[in-house]
């Protein structure tokens, strides 16, 4: 089956995310705090030490299978370039049919709900000059649609045994730092049912002292949302890019993080390559100016043997 199927793409994304985090760590980059967006919280919980890889795989695989079997074909999602307050005003007449699923940045939300209502809303947005783009899914996460699978999801994820992690975890589902030991089956239902507060989560981490956000994904889809939120007060770096997922792209990202002040273990990167430090000159630069100035009078070019260029343009 293709990556268009939710029970294929979500486990694949989870595997890439936890693997990228391990790759960053292999070069000495340790997170001071982790945050996830929607299903990204599953990977974030593993990176924080709150879920084992086995439990993380269980959550993403079984939950996405339920979404495919019970929710797919009945809903949709759409990205809308509006602040959440204006989006909620626009959705007032669609009560019960469309709701805000995620707040990504100060000027961008994701709405979800019934397909026909989304079609109507998209037409309204386009008429008003508001950018609205359908997300390539046929289900409505973070809406009342999810309530249909609550009992089955709680049963499927009952064996999950979270523990207290080793890295602080900020939940975009609850809106605060949480003990990852609370991330049981009930949490993963609420993560899928409730609104994603990604923008307020990024603001909270910024206030907490975050200086650089590293995105663990095959394409940095949230980088722009983070940049809009931090407004230049912190750096934002992806890991890989679509159609550019090799080691060269990752090392470029590693270098971007380095220039943003992130401590990188370059010795680990260059291990067994034969590379070595090159000594630089130790003498001080002789800062002697040779620019023509007041020492030669009024700066007349003729003093240096130059003549006036007789040309109307020059």
C-alpha atoms as a PDB file:
ATOM      1  CA  UNK A   1       0.000   0.000   0.000  1.00  0.00           C
ATOM      2  CA  UNK A   2       1.077   3.578  -0.708  1.00  0.00           C
ATOM      3  CA  UNK A   3       1.981   6.354   1.694  1.00  0.00           C
ATOM      4  CA  UNK A   4      -1.416   7.897   0.975  1.00  0.00           C
ATOM      5  CA  UNK A   5      -2.958   5.395   3.400  1.00  0.00           C
ATOM      6  CA  UNK A   6      -3.064   6.731   6.944  1.00  0.00           C
ATOM      7  CA  UNK A   7      -2.063   3.389   8.497  1.00  0.00           C
ATOM      8  CA  UNK A   8       1.066   3.422   6.310  1.00  0.00           C
ATOM      9  CA  UNK A   9       2.177   7.037   6.369  1.00  0.00           C
ATOM     10  CA  UNK A  10       1.760   7.660  10.104  1.00  0.00           C
ATOM     11  CA  UNK A  11       3.911   4.706  11.268  1.00  0.00           C
ATOM     12  CA  UNK A  12       6.457   5.576   8.564  1.00  0.00           C
ATOM     13  CA  UNK A  13       6.615   9.194   9.727  1.00  0.00           C
ATOM     14  CA  UNK A  14       6.939   8.093  13.357  1.00  0.00           C
ATOM     15  CA  UNK A  15       9.850   5.791  12.451  1.00  0.00           C
ATOM     16  CA  UNK A  16      11.615   8.593  10.567  1.00  0.00           C
ATOM     17  CA  UNK A  17      11.096  11.076  13.408  1.00  0.00           C
ATOM     18  CA  UNK A  18      12.467   8.910  16.213  1.00  0.00           C
ATOM     19  CA  UNK A  19      15.355   7.842  13.966  1.00  0.00           C
ATOM     20  CA  UNK A  20      16.260  11.432  13.095  1.00  0.00           C
ATOM     21  CA  UNK A  21      16.264  12.332  16.785  1.00  0.00           C
ATOM     22  CA  UNK A  22      18.683   9.459  17.410  1.00  0.00           C
ATOM     23  CA  UNK A  23      20.866  10.679  14.527  1.00  0.00           C
ATOM     24  CA  UNK A  24      21.012  14.215  15.957  1.00  0.00           C
ATOM     25  CA  UNK A  25      21.908  12.735  19.350  1.00  0.00           C
ATOM     26  CA  UNK A  26      24.709  10.658  17.811  1.00  0.00           C
ATOM     27  CA  UNK A  27      26.378  13.975  16.969  1.00  0.00           C
ATOM     28  CA  UNK A  28      25.999  15.325  20.486  1.00  0.00           C
ATOM     29  CA  UNK A  29      22.774  17.314  20.010  1.00  0.00           C
ATOM     30  CA  UNK A  30      20.588  16.640  23.052  1.00  0.00           C
ATOM     31  CA  UNK A  31      17.143  18.247  23.386  1.00  0.00           C
ATOM     32  CA  UNK A  32      16.498  20.513  26.362  1.00  0.00           C
ATOM     33  CA  UNK A  33      12.745  20.028  25.852  1.00  0.00           C
ATOM     34  CA  UNK A  34      10.519  18.266  23.310  1.00  0.00           C
ATOM     35  CA  UNK A  35       7.156  19.172  21.793  1.00  0.00           C
ATOM     36  CA  UNK A  36       5.039  17.420  19.173  1.00  0.00           C
ATOM     37  CA  UNK A  37       2.233  18.338  16.798  1.00  0.00           C
ATOM     38  CA  UNK A  38      -0.684  15.862  16.733  1.00  0.00           C
ATOM     39  CA  UNK A  39       0.775  12.420  15.893  1.00  0.00           C
ATOM     40  CA  UNK A  40       4.233  13.980  16.302  1.00  0.00           C
ATOM     41  CA  UNK A  41       3.652  13.781  20.051  1.00  0.00           C
ATOM     42  CA  UNK A  42       4.045   9.994  19.813  1.00  0.00           C
ATOM     43  CA  UNK A  43       7.585  10.391  18.515  1.00  0.00           C
ATOM     44  CA  UNK A  44       8.244  13.237  20.976  1.00  0.00           C
ATOM     45  CA  UNK A  45       7.193  11.004  23.876  1.00  0.00           C
ATOM     46  CA  UNK A  46       9.703   8.364  22.745  1.00  0.00           C
ATOM     47  CA  UNK A  47      12.471  10.971  22.400  1.00  0.00           C
ATOM     48  CA  UNK A  48      11.675  12.262  25.905  1.00  0.00           C
ATOM     49  CA  UNK A  49      11.961   8.728  27.313  1.00  0.00           C
ATOM     50  CA  UNK A  50       8.279   8.534  28.250  1.00  0.00           C
ATOM     51  CA  UNK A  51       7.403   5.733  25.816  1.00  0.00           C
ATOM     52  CA  UNK A  52       9.470   2.750  24.759  1.00  0.00           C
ATOM     53  CA  UNK A  53       9.889   2.255  21.016  1.00  0.00           C
ATOM     54  CA  UNK A  54       7.594  -0.755  21.305  1.00  0.00           C
ATOM     55  CA  UNK A  55       4.831   1.293  22.923  1.00  0.00           C
ATOM     56  CA  UNK A  56       5.341   4.169  20.506  1.00  0.00           C
ATOM     57  CA  UNK A  57       4.972   1.760  17.601  1.00  0.00           C
ATOM     58  CA  UNK A  58       1.839   0.285  19.196  1.00  0.00           C
ATOM     59  CA  UNK A  59       0.207   3.716  19.596  1.00  0.00           C
ATOM     60  CA  UNK A  60       0.914   4.925  16.051  1.00  0.00           C
ATOM     61  CA  UNK A  61       0.163   1.631  14.283  1.00  0.00           C
ATOM     62  CA  UNK A  62      -3.053   0.636  16.054  1.00  0.00           C
ATOM     63  CA  UNK A  63      -4.465   4.159  16.242  1.00  0.00           C
ATOM     64  CA  UNK A  64      -3.883   4.865  12.548  1.00  0.00           C
ATOM     65  CA  UNK A  65      -5.482   1.509  11.681  1.00  0.00           C
ATOM     66  CA  UNK A  66      -8.618   2.507  13.577  1.00  0.00           C
ATOM     67  CA  UNK A  67      -8.649   5.845  11.767  1.00  0.00           C
ATOM     68  CA  UNK A  68      -8.482   3.991   8.441  1.00  0.00           C
ATOM     69  CA  UNK A  69     -11.195   1.481   9.328  1.00  0.00           C
ATOM     70  CA  UNK A  70     -13.649   3.776  11.088  1.00  0.00           C
ATOM     71  CA  UNK A  71     -13.005   7.439  10.180  1.00  0.00           C
ATOM     72  CA  UNK A  72     -11.532   7.488   6.666  1.00  0.00           C
ATOM     73  CA  UNK A  73     -13.946   8.604   3.977  1.00  0.00           C
ATOM     74  CA  UNK A  74     -16.149  10.589   6.344  1.00  0.00           C
ATOM     75  CA  UNK A  75     -14.251  13.837   6.873  1.00  0.00           C
ATOM     76  CA  UNK A  76     -11.532  16.180   5.749  1.00  0.00           C
ATOM     77  CA  UNK A  77      -9.094  18.842   6.893  1.00  0.00           C
ATOM     78  CA  UNK A  78      -8.068  22.228   5.499  1.00  0.00           C
ATOM     79  CA  UNK A  79      -5.317  24.735   6.228  1.00  0.00           C
ATOM     80  CA  UNK A  80      -6.601  28.308   6.487  1.00  0.00           C
ATOM     81  CA  UNK A  81      -4.414  31.429   6.671  1.00  0.00           C
ATOM     82  CA  UNK A  82      -6.297  33.222   9.451  1.00  0.00           C
ATOM     83  CA  UNK A  83      -5.692  33.942  13.133  1.00  0.00           C
ATOM     84  CA  UNK A  84      -7.636  31.543  15.337  1.00  0.00           C
ATOM     85  CA  UNK A  85     -10.030  34.281  16.532  1.00  0.00           C
ATOM     86  CA  UNK A  86     -11.077  35.183  12.982  1.00  0.00           C
ATOM     87  CA  UNK A  87     -11.301  31.527  12.005  1.00  0.00           C
ATOM     88  CA  UNK A  88     -13.678  30.811  14.889  1.00  0.00           C
ATOM     89  CA  UNK A  89     -15.872  33.735  13.821  1.00  0.00           C
ATOM     90  CA  UNK A  90     -15.951  32.375  10.281  1.00  0.00           C
ATOM     91  CA  UNK A  91     -16.888  28.902  11.552  1.00  0.00           C
ATOM     92  CA  UNK A  92     -19.792  30.134  13.671  1.00  0.00           C
ATOM     93  CA  UNK A  93     -22.335  29.223  11.010  1.00  0.00           C
ATOM     94  CA  UNK A  94     -20.766  25.778  10.553  1.00  0.00           C
ATOM     95  CA  UNK A  95     -21.221  24.760  14.206  1.00  0.00           C
ATOM     96  CA  UNK A  96     -21.115  21.002  14.544  1.00  0.00           C
ATOM     97  CA  UNK A  97     -19.887  20.564  10.959  1.00  0.00           C
ATOM     98  CA  UNK A  98     -16.445  22.210  10.986  1.00  0.00           C
ATOM     99  CA  UNK A  99     -14.197  23.216  13.882  1.00  0.00           C
ATOM    100  CA  UNK A 100     -10.641  24.396  14.503  1.00  0.00           C
ATOM    101  CA  UNK A 101      -8.438  21.309  14.732  1.00  0.00           C
ATOM    102  CA  UNK A 102      -5.038  22.947  15.204  1.00  0.00           C
ATOM    103  CA  UNK A 103      -3.567  26.384  15.858  1.00  0.00           C
ATOM    104  CA  UNK A 104      -0.241  26.336  14.054  1.00  0.00           C
ATOM    105  CA  UNK A 105       0.894  29.968  14.123  1.00  0.00           C
ATOM    106  CA  UNK A 106      -0.442  33.488  14.746  1.00  0.00           C
ATOM    107  CA  UNK A 107      -1.865  33.542  11.212  1.00  0.00           C
ATOM    108  CA  UNK A 108      -2.564  29.909  10.377  1.00  0.00           C
ATOM    109  CA  UNK A 109      -4.998  27.257  11.582  1.00  0.00           C
ATOM    110  CA  UNK A 110      -6.203  23.870  10.425  1.00  0.00           C
ATOM    111  CA  UNK A 111      -9.936  23.264  10.374  1.00  0.00           C
ATOM    112  CA  UNK A 112     -11.621  19.867  10.058  1.00  0.00           C
ATOM    113  CA  UNK A 113     -15.046  18.362   9.714  1.00  0.00           C
ATOM    114  CA  UNK A 114     -17.621  17.266   7.146  1.00  0.00           C
ATOM    115  CA  UNK A 115     -16.386  17.293   3.512  1.00  0.00           C
ATOM    116  CA  UNK A 116     -19.363  19.228   2.130  1.00  0.00           C
ATOM    117  CA  UNK A 117     -19.029  21.908   4.800  1.00  0.00           C
ATOM    118  CA  UNK A 118     -15.313  22.220   4.027  1.00  0.00           C
ATOM    119  CA  UNK A 119     -16.157  22.725   0.353  1.00  0.00           C
ATOM    120  CA  UNK A 120     -18.515  25.564   1.283  1.00  0.00           C
ATOM    121  CA  UNK A 121     -15.953  27.106   3.610  1.00  0.00           C
ATOM    122  CA  UNK A 122     -13.198  26.919   1.003  1.00  0.00           C
ATOM    123  CA  UNK A 123     -15.400  28.769  -1.507  1.00  0.00           C
ATOM    124  CA  UNK A 124     -16.099  31.490   1.081  1.00  0.00           C
ATOM    125  CA  UNK A 125     -12.378  31.854   1.848  1.00  0.00           C
ATOM    126  CA  UNK A 126     -11.436  32.096  -1.818  1.00  0.00           C
ATOM    127  CA  UNK A 127     -14.116  34.732  -2.383  1.00  0.00           C
ATOM    128  CA  UNK A 128     -12.701  36.761   0.515  1.00  0.00           C
ATOM    129  CA  UNK A 129      -9.105  36.372  -0.659  1.00  0.00           C
ATOM    130  CA  UNK A 130      -8.171  34.096   2.254  1.00  0.00           C
ATOM    131  CA  UNK A 131      -5.751  31.297   1.424  1.00  0.00           C
ATOM    132  CA  UNK A 132      -7.379  27.913   2.099  1.00  0.00           C
ATOM    133  CA  UNK A 133      -5.796  24.611   1.062  1.00  0.00           C
ATOM    134  CA  UNK A 134      -7.261  21.150   1.580  1.00  0.00           C
ATOM    135  CA  UNK A 135      -5.033  18.665   3.382  1.00  0.00           C
ATOM    136  CA  UNK A 136      -4.703  15.361   1.510  1.00  0.00           C
ATOM    137  CA  UNK A 137      -6.652  13.275   4.044  1.00  0.00           C
ATOM    138  CA  UNK A 138     -10.233  11.978   4.116  1.00  0.00           C
ATOM    139  CA  UNK A 139     -10.773  11.985   7.869  1.00  0.00           C
ATOM    140  CA  UNK A 140     -11.279  14.706  10.467  1.00  0.00           C
ATOM    141  CA  UNK A 141      -8.796  14.408  13.337  1.00  0.00           C
ATOM    142  CA  UNK A 142      -9.247  16.662  16.373  1.00  0.00           C
ATOM    143  CA  UNK A 143     -13.011  16.898  15.909  1.00  0.00           C
ATOM    144  CA  UNK A 144     -16.128  15.185  17.224  1.00  0.00           C
ATOM    145  CA  UNK A 145     -15.678  12.553  14.499  1.00  0.00           C
ATOM    146  CA  UNK A 146     -12.988  10.933  16.677  1.00  0.00           C
ATOM    147  CA  UNK A 147     -15.491  10.168  19.448  1.00  0.00           C
ATOM    148  CA  UNK A 148     -16.749   7.241  17.361  1.00  0.00           C
ATOM    149  CA  UNK A 149     -13.567   5.241  18.073  1.00  0.00           C
ATOM    150  CA  UNK A 150     -12.994   6.165  21.720  1.00  0.00           C
ATOM    151  CA  UNK A 151     -13.891   2.793  23.227  1.00  0.00           C
ATOM    152  CA  UNK A 152     -11.956   0.786  20.647  1.00  0.00           C
ATOM    153  CA  UNK A 153      -8.924   3.045  20.922  1.00  0.00           C
ATOM    154  CA  UNK A 154      -8.821   2.810  24.709  1.00  0.00           C
ATOM    155  CA  UNK A 155      -8.996  -0.980  24.471  1.00  0.00           C
ATOM    156  CA  UNK A 156      -6.329  -1.241  21.764  1.00  0.00           C
ATOM    157  CA  UNK A 157      -3.888   0.980  23.670  1.00  0.00           C
ATOM    158  CA  UNK A 158      -4.574  -0.366  27.157  1.00  0.00           C
ATOM    159  CA  UNK A 159      -1.236  -2.290  27.247  1.00  0.00           C
ATOM    160  CA  UNK A 160       0.768   0.944  26.807  1.00  0.00           C
ATOM    161  CA  UNK A 161       2.871   1.592  29.897  1.00  0.00           C
ATOM    162  CA  UNK A 162       4.331   5.121  29.914  1.00  0.00           C
ATOM    163  CA  UNK A 163       7.026   6.161  32.372  1.00  0.00           C
ATOM    164  CA  UNK A 164       8.482   9.458  33.568  1.00  0.00           C
ATOM    165  CA  UNK A 165      10.830  10.692  30.885  1.00  0.00           C
ATOM    166  CA  UNK A 166      14.351  12.091  31.107  1.00  0.00           C
ATOM    167  CA  UNK A 167      13.664  15.166  28.953  1.00  0.00           C
ATOM    168  CA  UNK A 168      10.982  17.788  29.757  1.00  0.00           C
ATOM    169  CA  UNK A 169       7.865  17.304  27.615  1.00  0.00           C
ATOM    170  CA  UNK A 170       5.531  20.149  26.675  1.00  0.00           C
ATOM    171  CA  UNK A 171       2.123  18.911  25.614  1.00  0.00           C
ATOM    172  CA  UNK A 172       0.414  20.738  22.767  1.00  0.00           C
ATOM    173  CA  UNK A 173      -2.694  18.738  23.673  1.00  0.00           C
ATOM    174  CA  UNK A 174      -3.017  19.948  27.269  1.00  0.00           C
ATOM    175  CA  UNK A 175      -1.096  23.208  27.037  1.00  0.00           C
ATOM    176  CA  UNK A 176       1.641  22.696  29.605  1.00  0.00           C
ATOM    177  CA  UNK A 177       4.558  20.606  30.804  1.00  0.00           C
ATOM    178  CA  UNK A 178       3.417  17.144  31.815  1.00  0.00           C
ATOM    179  CA  UNK A 179       4.862  14.010  33.364  1.00  0.00           C
ATOM    180  CA  UNK A 180       5.080  11.539  30.495  1.00  0.00           C
ATOM    181  CA  UNK A 181       4.015   8.788  32.908  1.00  0.00           C
ATOM    182  CA  UNK A 182       0.468  10.118  32.384  1.00  0.00           C
ATOM    183  CA  UNK A 183       0.528   9.411  28.646  1.00  0.00           C
ATOM    184  CA  UNK A 184      -1.617   6.296  28.789  1.00  0.00           C
ATOM    185  CA  UNK A 185      -4.368   5.153  26.409  1.00  0.00           C
ATOM    186  CA  UNK A 186      -6.629   7.981  27.605  1.00  0.00           C
ATOM    187  CA  UNK A 187      -4.006  10.575  26.739  1.00  0.00           C
ATOM    188  CA  UNK A 188      -3.595   9.243  23.202  1.00  0.00           C
ATOM    189  CA  UNK A 189      -7.351   9.414  22.681  1.00  0.00           C
ATOM    190  CA  UNK A 190      -7.410  13.034  23.873  1.00  0.00           C
ATOM    191  CA  UNK A 191      -4.398  13.767  21.673  1.00  0.00           C
ATOM    192  CA  UNK A 192      -6.429  12.684  18.646  1.00  0.00           C
ATOM    193  CA  UNK A 193      -9.734  14.230  19.755  1.00  0.00           C
ATOM    194  CA  UNK A 194      -8.698  17.639  21.130  1.00  0.00           C
ATOM    195  CA  UNK A 195      -7.354  20.758  19.457  1.00  0.00           C
ATOM    196  CA  UNK A 196      -3.617  20.995  18.806  1.00  0.00           C
ATOM    197  CA  UNK A 197      -2.225  24.099  20.480  1.00  0.00           C
ATOM    198  CA  UNK A 198       1.079  24.215  18.644  1.00  0.00           C
ATOM    199  CA  UNK A 199       1.439  28.008  18.461  1.00  0.00           C
ATOM    200  CA  UNK A 200       0.940  28.552  22.226  1.00  0.00           C
ATOM    201  CA  UNK A 201       3.302  25.625  22.882  1.00  0.00           C
ATOM    202  CA  UNK A 202       6.065  27.263  20.809  1.00  0.00           C
ATOM    203  CA  UNK A 203       5.486  30.569  22.619  1.00  0.00           C
ATOM    204  CA  UNK A 204       5.740  28.826  25.978  1.00  0.00           C
ATOM    205  CA  UNK A 205       9.031  27.178  25.034  1.00  0.00           C
ATOM    206  CA  UNK A 206      10.339  30.507  23.776  1.00  0.00           C
ATOM    207  CA  UNK A 207       9.516  32.032  27.161  1.00  0.00           C
ATOM    208  CA  UNK A 208      11.168  28.982  28.753  1.00  0.00           C
ATOM    209  CA  UNK A 209      14.456  29.942  27.077  1.00  0.00           C
ATOM    210  CA  UNK A 210      14.446  27.934  23.847  1.00  0.00           C
ATOM    211  CA  UNK A 211      17.011  29.373  21.445  1.00  0.00           C
ATOM    212  CA  UNK A 212      16.699  26.946  18.546  1.00  0.00           C
ATOM    213  CA  UNK A 213      13.903  24.662  17.356  1.00  0.00           C
ATOM    214  CA  UNK A 214      14.992  21.516  15.498  1.00  0.00           C
ATOM    215  CA  UNK A 215      12.300  19.762  13.478  1.00  0.00           C
ATOM    216  CA  UNK A 216      12.459  15.979  13.282  1.00  0.00           C
ATOM    217  CA  UNK A 217      10.741  15.137   9.994  1.00  0.00           C
ATOM    218  CA  UNK A 218      11.410  14.156   6.361  1.00  0.00           C
ATOM    219  CA  UNK A 219      10.278  17.655   5.316  1.00  0.00           C
ATOM    220  CA  UNK A 220      10.135  20.739   7.597  1.00  0.00           C
ATOM    221  CA  UNK A 221       6.403  21.387   7.262  1.00  0.00           C
ATOM    222  CA  UNK A 222       6.221  23.223  10.613  1.00  0.00           C
ATOM    223  CA  UNK A 223       9.301  25.407  10.202  1.00  0.00           C
ATOM    224  CA  UNK A 224       7.325  28.299   8.748  1.00  0.00           C
ATOM    225  CA  UNK A 225       4.759  28.104  11.559  1.00  0.00           C
ATOM    226  CA  UNK A 226       7.539  28.214  14.158  1.00  0.00           C
ATOM    227  CA  UNK A 227       9.265  31.135  12.423  1.00  0.00           C
ATOM    228  CA  UNK A 228       6.017  33.113  12.329  1.00  0.00           C
ATOM    229  CA  UNK A 229       5.555  32.472  16.029  1.00  0.00           C
ATOM    230  CA  UNK A 230       9.074  33.208  17.322  1.00  0.00           C
ATOM    231  CA  UNK A 231       9.460  36.319  15.128  1.00  0.00           C
ATOM    232  CA  UNK A 232      13.242  36.123  14.966  1.00  0.00           C
ATOM    233  CA  UNK A 233      13.772  35.455  18.684  1.00  0.00           C
ATOM    234  CA  UNK A 234      14.965  31.897  18.060  1.00  0.00           C
ATOM    235  CA  UNK A 235      16.410  29.893  15.192  1.00  0.00           C
ATOM    236  CA  UNK A 236      14.492  27.175  13.358  1.00  0.00           C
ATOM    237  CA  UNK A 237      16.217  24.289  11.596  1.00  0.00           C
ATOM    238  CA  UNK A 238      14.795  21.273   9.761  1.00  0.00           C
ATOM    239  CA  UNK A 239      16.461  17.889   9.296  1.00  0.00           C
ATOM    240  CA  UNK A 240      15.703  16.670   5.787  1.00  0.00           C
ATOM    241  CA  UNK A 241      13.747  17.968   2.806  1.00  0.00           C
ATOM    242  CA  UNK A 242      11.425  16.412   0.275  1.00  0.00           C
ATOM    243  CA  UNK A 243      13.505  14.857  -2.526  1.00  0.00           C
ATOM    244  CA  UNK A 244      16.625  15.795  -0.559  1.00  0.00           C
ATOM    245  CA  UNK A 245      16.871  13.228   2.200  1.00  0.00           C
ATOM    246  CA  UNK A 246      20.482  12.109   2.050  1.00  0.00           C
ATOM    247  CA  UNK A 247      23.385  12.563   4.425  1.00  0.00           C
ATOM    248  CA  UNK A 248      24.530  15.765   2.690  1.00  0.00           C
ATOM    249  CA  UNK A 249      21.169  17.409   3.473  1.00  0.00           C
ATOM    250  CA  UNK A 250      21.334  16.276   7.093  1.00  0.00           C
ATOM    251  CA  UNK A 251      24.895  17.557   7.545  1.00  0.00           C
ATOM    252  CA  UNK A 252      23.784  20.884   6.087  1.00  0.00           C
ATOM    253  CA  UNK A 253      21.090  21.020   8.762  1.00  0.00           C
ATOM    254  CA  UNK A 254      23.661  20.056  11.371  1.00  0.00           C
ATOM    255  CA  UNK A 255      25.797  22.982  10.209  1.00  0.00           C
ATOM    256  CA  UNK A 256      22.806  25.358  10.303  1.00  0.00           C
ATOM    257  CA  UNK A 257      22.164  24.318  13.904  1.00  0.00           C
ATOM    258  CA  UNK A 258      25.853  24.862  14.713  1.00  0.00           C
ATOM    259  CA  UNK A 259      25.756  28.420  13.383  1.00  0.00           C
ATOM    260  CA  UNK A 260      22.602  29.009  15.468  1.00  0.00           C
ATOM    261  CA  UNK A 261      24.539  28.180  18.633  1.00  0.00           C
ATOM    262  CA  UNK A 262      23.661  24.500  19.062  1.00  0.00           C
ATOM    263  CA  UNK A 263      26.557  22.447  20.443  1.00  0.00           C
ATOM    264  CA  UNK A 264      27.555  19.805  17.870  1.00  0.00           C
ATOM    265  CA  UNK A 265      30.094  17.028  18.481  1.00  0.00           C
ATOM    266  CA  UNK A 266      32.089  17.491  15.304  1.00  0.00           C
ATOM    267  CA  UNK A 267      34.736  15.078  16.558  1.00  0.00           C
ATOM    268  CA  UNK A 268      32.091  12.339  16.402  1.00  0.00           C
ATOM    269  CA  UNK A 269      31.138  13.377  12.878  1.00  0.00           C
ATOM    270  CA  UNK A 270      34.737  13.347  11.629  1.00  0.00           C
ATOM    271  CA  UNK A 271      35.738  10.191  13.531  1.00  0.00           C
ATOM    272  CA  UNK A 272      37.734   7.702  11.414  1.00  0.00           C
ATOM    273  CA  UNK A 273      37.874  10.103   8.439  1.00  0.00           C
ATOM    274  CA  UNK A 274      41.460  11.258   8.925  1.00  0.00           C
ATOM    275  CA  UNK A 275      40.311  14.860   9.206  1.00  0.00           C
ATOM    276  CA  UNK A 276      42.284  17.055  11.592  1.00  0.00           C
ATOM    277  CA  UNK A 277      42.356  20.639  12.793  1.00  0.00           C
ATOM    278  CA  UNK A 278      44.416  23.054  10.704  1.00  0.00           C
ATOM    279  CA  UNK A 279      46.463  25.668  12.598  1.00  0.00           C
ATOM    280  CA  UNK A 280      45.757  29.281  11.769  1.00  0.00           C
ATOM    281  CA  UNK A 281      48.346  32.112  11.904  1.00  0.00           C
ATOM    282  CA  UNK A 282      48.819  33.366  15.450  1.00  0.00           C
ATOM    283  CA  UNK A 283      50.127  36.860  14.642  1.00  0.00           C
ATOM    284  CA  UNK A 284      47.875  39.895  14.950  1.00  0.00           C
ATOM    285  CA  UNK A 285      46.594  41.528  11.790  1.00  0.00           C
ATOM    286  CA  UNK A 286      48.374  44.844  10.995  1.00  0.00           C
ATOM    287  CA  UNK A 287      45.434  47.194  10.674  1.00  0.00           C
ATOM    288  CA  UNK A 288      47.087  49.824   8.450  1.00  0.00           C
ATOM    289  CA  UNK A 289      44.742  51.779   6.186  1.00  0.00           C
ATOM    290  CA  UNK A 290      45.670  52.591   2.602  1.00  0.00           C
ATOM    291  CA  UNK A 291      42.445  54.386   1.763  1.00  0.00           C
ATOM    292  CA  UNK A 292      42.948  57.897   0.408  1.00  0.00           C
ATOM    293  CA  UNK A 293      41.726  60.385   2.938  1.00  0.00           C
ATOM    294  CA  UNK A 294      42.475  63.668   4.641  1.00  0.00           C
ATOM    295  CA  UNK A 295      46.192  62.892   4.836  1.00  0.00           C
ATOM    296  CA  UNK A 296      46.506  63.707   1.140  1.00  0.00           C
ATOM    297  CA  UNK A 297      44.569  66.940   1.347  1.00  0.00           C
ATOM    298  CA  UNK A 298      40.992  67.131   0.135  1.00  0.00           C
ATOM    299  CA  UNK A 299      40.893  63.667  -1.370  1.00  0.00           C
ATOM    300  CA  UNK A 300      41.822  64.943  -4.837  1.00  0.00           C
ATOM    301  CA  UNK A 301      42.364  61.941  -7.116  1.00  0.00           C
ATOM    302  CA  UNK A 302      45.018  63.840  -9.091  1.00  0.00           C
ATOM    303  CA  UNK A 303      47.288  63.549  -6.050  1.00  0.00           C
ATOM    304  CA  UNK A 304      47.453  59.833  -6.818  1.00  0.00           C
ATOM    305  CA  UNK A 305      48.153  60.432 -10.466  1.00  0.00           C
ATOM    306  CA  UNK A 306      44.600  59.909 -11.650  1.00  0.00           C
ATOM    307  CA  UNK A 307      42.737  62.053 -14.177  1.00  0.00           C
ATOM    308  CA  UNK A 308      39.120  63.116 -14.421  1.00  0.00           C
ATOM    309  CA  UNK A 309      37.029  60.852 -16.654  1.00  0.00           C
ATOM    310  CA  UNK A 310      35.437  63.028 -19.300  1.00  0.00           C
ATOM    311  CA  UNK A 311      32.178  61.194 -19.748  1.00  0.00           C
ATOM    312  CA  UNK A 312      28.657  62.493 -18.990  1.00  0.00           C
ATOM    313  CA  UNK A 313      27.643  59.303 -17.159  1.00  0.00           C
ATOM    314  CA  UNK A 314      30.806  58.768 -15.167  1.00  0.00           C
END
